[in-house]
C-alpha atoms as a PDB file:
ATOM      1  CA  MET A   1      -6.661  28.182 -14.043  1.00  0.00           C
ATOM      2  CA  SER A   2      -5.159  30.667 -11.590  1.00  0.00           C
ATOM      3  CA  ALA A   3      -4.055  29.621  -8.107  1.00  0.00           C
ATOM      4  CA  VAL A   4      -6.979  31.528  -6.591  1.00  0.00           C
ATOM      5  CA  GLN A   5      -9.528  29.846  -8.881  1.00  0.00           C
ATOM      6  CA  ARG A   6      -8.336  26.267  -8.542  1.00  0.00           C
ATOM      7  CA  PRO A   7      -9.853  23.988  -5.909  1.00  0.00           C
ATOM      8  CA  ASP A   8      -7.706  22.968  -2.945  1.00  0.00           C
ATOM      9  CA  LEU A   9      -5.721  19.767  -3.472  1.00  0.00           C
ATOM     10  CA  ALA A  10      -7.631  17.875  -0.768  1.00  0.00           C
ATOM     11  CA  THR A  11     -10.917  18.905  -2.379  1.00  0.00           C
ATOM     12  CA  MET A  12      -9.775  17.327  -5.634  1.00  0.00           C
ATOM     13  CA  ILE A  13      -7.912  14.324  -4.260  1.00  0.00           C
ATOM     14  CA  ALA A  14     -10.246  13.186  -1.456  1.00  0.00           C
ATOM     15  CA  PRO A  15     -13.171  12.176  -3.720  1.00  0.00           C
ATOM     16  CA  LEU A  16     -10.746  10.391  -6.057  1.00  0.00           C
ATOM     17  CA  GLY A  17      -9.162   8.589  -3.103  1.00  0.00           C
ATOM     18  CA  ARG A  18     -12.562   7.508  -1.776  1.00  0.00           C
ATOM     19  CA  ALA A  19     -13.595   6.243  -5.218  1.00  0.00           C
ATOM     20  CA  LEU A  20     -10.343   4.313  -5.620  1.00  0.00           C
ATOM     21  CA  ILE A  21     -10.694   2.720  -2.175  1.00  0.00           C
ATOM     22  CA  ALA A  22     -14.310   1.790  -2.907  1.00  0.00           C
ATOM     23  CA  ALA A  23     -13.188   0.118  -6.158  1.00  0.00           C
ATOM     24  CA  GLU A  24     -10.370  -1.732  -4.341  1.00  0.00           C
ATOM     25  CA  LEU A  25     -12.505  -3.184  -1.569  1.00  0.00           C
ATOM     26  CA  PRO A  26     -14.331  -5.808  -3.699  1.00  0.00           C
ATOM     27  CA  ILE A  27     -11.003  -6.852  -5.236  1.00  0.00           C
ATOM     28  CA  LEU A  28      -9.407  -7.195  -1.805  1.00  0.00           C
ATOM     29  CA  GLU A  29     -12.428  -9.084  -0.453  1.00  0.00           C
ATOM     30  CA  ARG A  30     -12.307 -11.451  -3.434  1.00  0.00           C
ATOM     31  CA  ASN A  31      -8.683 -12.131  -2.503  1.00  0.00           C
ATOM     32  CA  GLY A  32      -9.444 -12.501   1.211  1.00  0.00           C
ATOM     33  CA  LEU A  33      -7.565  -9.345   2.189  1.00  0.00           C
ATOM     34  CA  THR A  34      -8.338  -6.319   4.285  1.00  0.00           C
ATOM     35  CA  MET A  35      -6.966  -2.929   3.347  1.00  0.00           C
ATOM     36  CA  TRP A  36      -4.388  -3.229   6.171  1.00  0.00           C
ATOM     37  CA  GLY A  37      -3.473  -6.756   5.094  1.00  0.00           C
ATOM     38  CA  TYR A  38      -2.878  -5.524   1.563  1.00  0.00           C
ATOM     39  CA  ALA A  39      -0.861  -2.576   2.907  1.00  0.00           C
ATOM     40  CA  VAL A  40       1.363  -5.018   4.812  1.00  0.00           C
ATOM     41  CA  LEU A  41       1.900  -7.223   1.759  1.00  0.00           C
ATOM     42  CA  LEU A  42       2.726  -4.169  -0.365  1.00  0.00           C
ATOM     43  CA  GLY A  43       4.935  -2.747   2.376  1.00  0.00           C
ATOM     44  CA  LEU A  44       7.014  -5.882   2.499  1.00  0.00           C
ATOM     45  CA  GLY A  45       7.751  -5.476  -1.179  1.00  0.00           C
ATOM     46  CA  ASP A  46      10.582  -7.652  -2.365  1.00  0.00           C
ATOM     47  CA  GLU A  47      12.858  -6.907   0.564  1.00  0.00           C
ATOM     48  CA  PRO A  48      13.993 -10.042   2.374  1.00  0.00           C
ATOM     49  CA  VAL A  49      12.798  -8.962   5.840  1.00  0.00           C
ATOM     50  CA  TYR A  50      11.644  -6.030   7.936  1.00  0.00           C
ATOM     51  CA  THR A  51      11.285  -5.693  11.669  1.00  0.00           C
ATOM     52  CA  GLN A  52       7.661  -5.244  12.685  1.00  0.00           C
ATOM     53  CA  ALA A  53       8.494  -1.696  13.820  1.00  0.00           C
ATOM     54  CA  ALA A  54      10.181  -0.795  10.504  1.00  0.00           C
ATOM     55  CA  LEU A  55       7.265  -2.259   8.540  1.00  0.00           C
ATOM     56  CA  ALA A  56       4.746  -0.287  10.610  1.00  0.00           C
ATOM     57  CA  LYS A  57       6.707   2.900   9.989  1.00  0.00           C
ATOM     58  CA  LYS A  58       6.929   2.193   6.264  1.00  0.00           C
ATOM     59  CA  ILE A  59       3.162   1.719   5.893  1.00  0.00           C
ATOM     60  CA  HIS A  60       2.362   4.559   8.317  1.00  0.00           C
ATOM     61  CA  ALA A  61       0.677   2.312  10.864  1.00  0.00           C
ATOM     62  CA  ASP A  62       0.962   2.132  14.611  1.00  0.00           C
ATOM     63  CA  LYS A  63       3.199  -0.849  15.378  1.00  0.00           C
ATOM     64  CA  THR A  64       0.691  -2.187  17.907  1.00  0.00           C
ATOM     65  CA  ARG A  65      -2.171  -1.727  15.406  1.00  0.00           C
ATOM     66  CA  ILE A  66      -0.745  -4.169  12.876  1.00  0.00           C
ATOM     67  CA  ILE A  67      -0.062  -7.064  15.281  1.00  0.00           C
ATOM     68  CA  GLY A  68      -3.495  -8.600  14.634  1.00  0.00           C
ATOM     69  CA  VAL A  69      -3.055  -8.131  10.889  1.00  0.00           C
ATOM     70  CA  LEU A  70       0.345  -9.820  11.040  1.00  0.00           C
ATOM     71  CA  ASP A  71      -1.086 -12.678  13.123  1.00  0.00           C
ATOM     72  CA  GLU A  72      -3.821 -13.288  10.534  1.00  0.00           C
ATOM     73  CA  LEU A  73      -1.433 -13.110   7.564  1.00  0.00           C
ATOM     74  CA  GLN A  74       0.982 -15.484   9.298  1.00  0.00           C
ATOM     75  CA  GLU A  75      -1.802 -17.972  10.098  1.00  0.00           C
ATOM     76  CA  ARG A  76      -2.697 -17.972   6.397  1.00  0.00           C
ATOM     77  CA  GLY A  77       0.935 -18.618   5.405  1.00  0.00           C
ATOM     78  CA  LEU A  78       1.276 -15.267   3.622  1.00  0.00           C
ATOM     79  CA  ILE A  79       4.088 -13.929   5.810  1.00  0.00           C
ATOM     80  CA  GLY A  80       6.723 -15.366   8.075  1.00  0.00           C
ATOM     81  CA  ARG A  81       7.779 -13.906  11.426  1.00  0.00           C
ATOM     82  CA  ASP A  82      10.981 -14.962  13.104  1.00  0.00           C
ATOM     83  CA  ALA A  83      12.966 -13.727  16.056  1.00  0.00           C
ATOM     84  CA  ASP A  84      15.685 -11.280  15.079  1.00  0.00           C
ATOM     85  CA  PRO A  85      19.029 -12.998  15.782  1.00  0.00           C
ATOM     86  CA  VAL A  86      20.500  -9.610  16.736  1.00  0.00           C
ATOM     87  CA  ASP A  87      17.635  -8.566  19.043  1.00  0.00           C
ATOM     88  CA  ARG A  88      15.543 -11.475  20.335  1.00  0.00           C
ATOM     89  CA  ARG A  89      12.787  -9.041  21.382  1.00  0.00           C
ATOM     90  CA  ALA A  90      12.246  -7.980  17.759  1.00  0.00           C
ATOM     91  CA  ARG A  91      10.382  -9.973  15.134  1.00  0.00           C
ATOM     92  CA  LEU A  92      11.471 -10.094  11.491  1.00  0.00           C
ATOM     93  CA  VAL A  93       8.663 -10.146   8.957  1.00  0.00           C
ATOM     94  CA  SER A  94       9.046 -11.608   5.476  1.00  0.00           C
ATOM     95  CA  LEU A  95       6.762 -12.323   2.564  1.00  0.00           C
ATOM     96  CA  THR A  96       6.185 -15.982   1.656  1.00  0.00           C
ATOM     97  CA  GLU A  97       5.752 -17.179  -1.915  1.00  0.00           C
ATOM     98  CA  ALA A  98       2.004 -17.520  -1.263  1.00  0.00           C
ATOM     99  CA  GLY A  99       1.931 -13.957   0.087  1.00  0.00           C
ATOM    100  CA  ARG A 100       3.830 -12.649  -2.910  1.00  0.00           C
ATOM    101  CA  ALA A 101       1.477 -14.439  -5.318  1.00  0.00           C
ATOM    102  CA  LEU A 102      -1.630 -13.104  -3.545  1.00  0.00           C
ATOM    103  CA  ARG A 103      -0.199  -9.580  -3.366  1.00  0.00           C
ATOM    104  CA  ASP A 104       0.702  -9.645  -7.060  1.00  0.00           C
ATOM    105  CA  ARG A 105      -2.736 -10.945  -8.078  1.00  0.00           C
ATOM    106  CA  ALA A 106      -4.586  -8.318  -6.023  1.00  0.00           C
ATOM    107  CA  GLN A 107      -2.283  -5.552  -7.236  1.00  0.00           C
ATOM    108  CA  ARG A 108      -2.700  -6.635 -10.862  1.00  0.00           C
ATOM    109  CA  ASP A 109      -6.516  -6.490 -10.517  1.00  0.00           C
ATOM    110  CA  ILE A 110      -6.422  -3.119  -8.736  1.00  0.00           C
ATOM    111  CA  GLN A 111      -4.075  -1.615 -11.296  1.00  0.00           C
ATOM    112  CA  ALA A 112      -6.221  -2.934 -14.168  1.00  0.00           C
ATOM    113  CA  HIS A 113      -9.099  -0.914 -12.709  1.00  0.00           C
ATOM    114  CA  GLU A 114      -6.825   2.104 -12.293  1.00  0.00           C
ATOM    115  CA  ASP A 115      -5.634   1.751 -15.891  1.00  0.00           C
ATOM    116  CA  ARG A 116      -9.242   1.969 -17.102  1.00  0.00           C
ATOM    117  CA  LEU A 117      -9.617   5.202 -15.140  1.00  0.00           C
ATOM    118  CA  LEU A 118      -6.307   6.562 -16.412  1.00  0.00           C
ATOM    119  CA  GLU A 119      -7.417   5.912 -20.018  1.00  0.00           C
ATOM    120  CA  GLN A 120      -9.412   9.136 -19.688  1.00  0.00           C
ATOM    121  CA  LEU A 121      -6.072  10.971 -19.890  1.00  0.00           C
ATOM    122  CA  THR A 122      -3.842  11.262 -22.909  1.00  0.00           C
ATOM    123  CA  PRO A 123      -0.698   9.119 -22.639  1.00  0.00           C
ATOM    124  CA  ALA A 124       1.402  12.247 -21.972  1.00  0.00           C
ATOM    125  CA  ASP A 125      -1.028  13.499 -19.303  1.00  0.00           C
ATOM    126  CA  ARG A 126      -1.112  10.023 -17.745  1.00  0.00           C
ATOM    127  CA  ARG A 127       2.696   9.906 -17.459  1.00  0.00           C
ATOM    128  CA  ALA A 128       2.783  13.464 -16.064  1.00  0.00           C
ATOM    129  CA  PHE A 129      -0.004  12.739 -13.566  1.00  0.00           C
ATOM    130  CA  LEU A 130       1.642   9.566 -12.290  1.00  0.00           C
ATOM    131  CA  ARG A 131       5.056  11.250 -12.069  1.00  0.00           C
ATOM    132  CA  ALA A 132       3.602  14.236 -10.176  1.00  0.00           C
ATOM    133  CA  LEU A 133       1.567  12.017  -7.850  1.00  0.00           C
ATOM    134  CA  TYR A 134       4.638   9.910  -7.085  1.00  0.00           C
ATOM    135  CA  THR A 135       6.747  13.015  -6.444  1.00  0.00           C
ATOM    136  CA  LEU A 136       4.158  14.468  -4.047  1.00  0.00           C
ATOM    137  CA  SER A 137       3.726  11.111  -2.323  1.00  0.00           C
ATOM    138  CA  VAL A 138       7.465  10.830  -1.696  1.00  0.00           C
ATOM    139  CA  ALA A 139       7.631  14.445  -0.470  1.00  0.00           C
ATOM    140  CA  VAL A 140       4.757  13.937   1.980  1.00  0.00           C
ATOM    141  CA  THR A 141       6.284  10.694   3.252  1.00  0.00           C
ATOM    142  CA  GLU A 142       9.671  12.343   3.778  1.00  0.00           C
ATOM    143  CA  GLN A 143       8.082  15.266   5.628  1.00  0.00           C
ATOM    144  CA  SER A 144       6.268  12.942   8.003  1.00  0.00           C
ATOM    145  CA  GLN A 145       9.478  11.185   9.064  1.00  0.00           C
END
């Protein structure tokens, strides 16, 4: 397919993104998570702690926008927030064991659904697609910083 004949990337990716989000929502709801709550749990990864500002930047959220999400996750015992000993105005956010377990369960269910979708590709195409998607995702993230 020539460059002129191919659809624009957004035209191809947007419907896929919407379908993936629609498939994730019931899984997140079953696990008592919102999309932003899940983004926070994923954003914390396995790092020991992040400042709220660094976490917001990592997940591409406004730092004031995630305060309510952090409050709710903390109330549920999924994250911890402590004063930064270096800067008492800053809060350090960390994932609790319960938060890690919930994140891992939700991610496992979401990726099982994704794996069923990816089965439509040959193993080689699947690896190439995931590698290319990761590369573009990193490039877009780096450009936005």
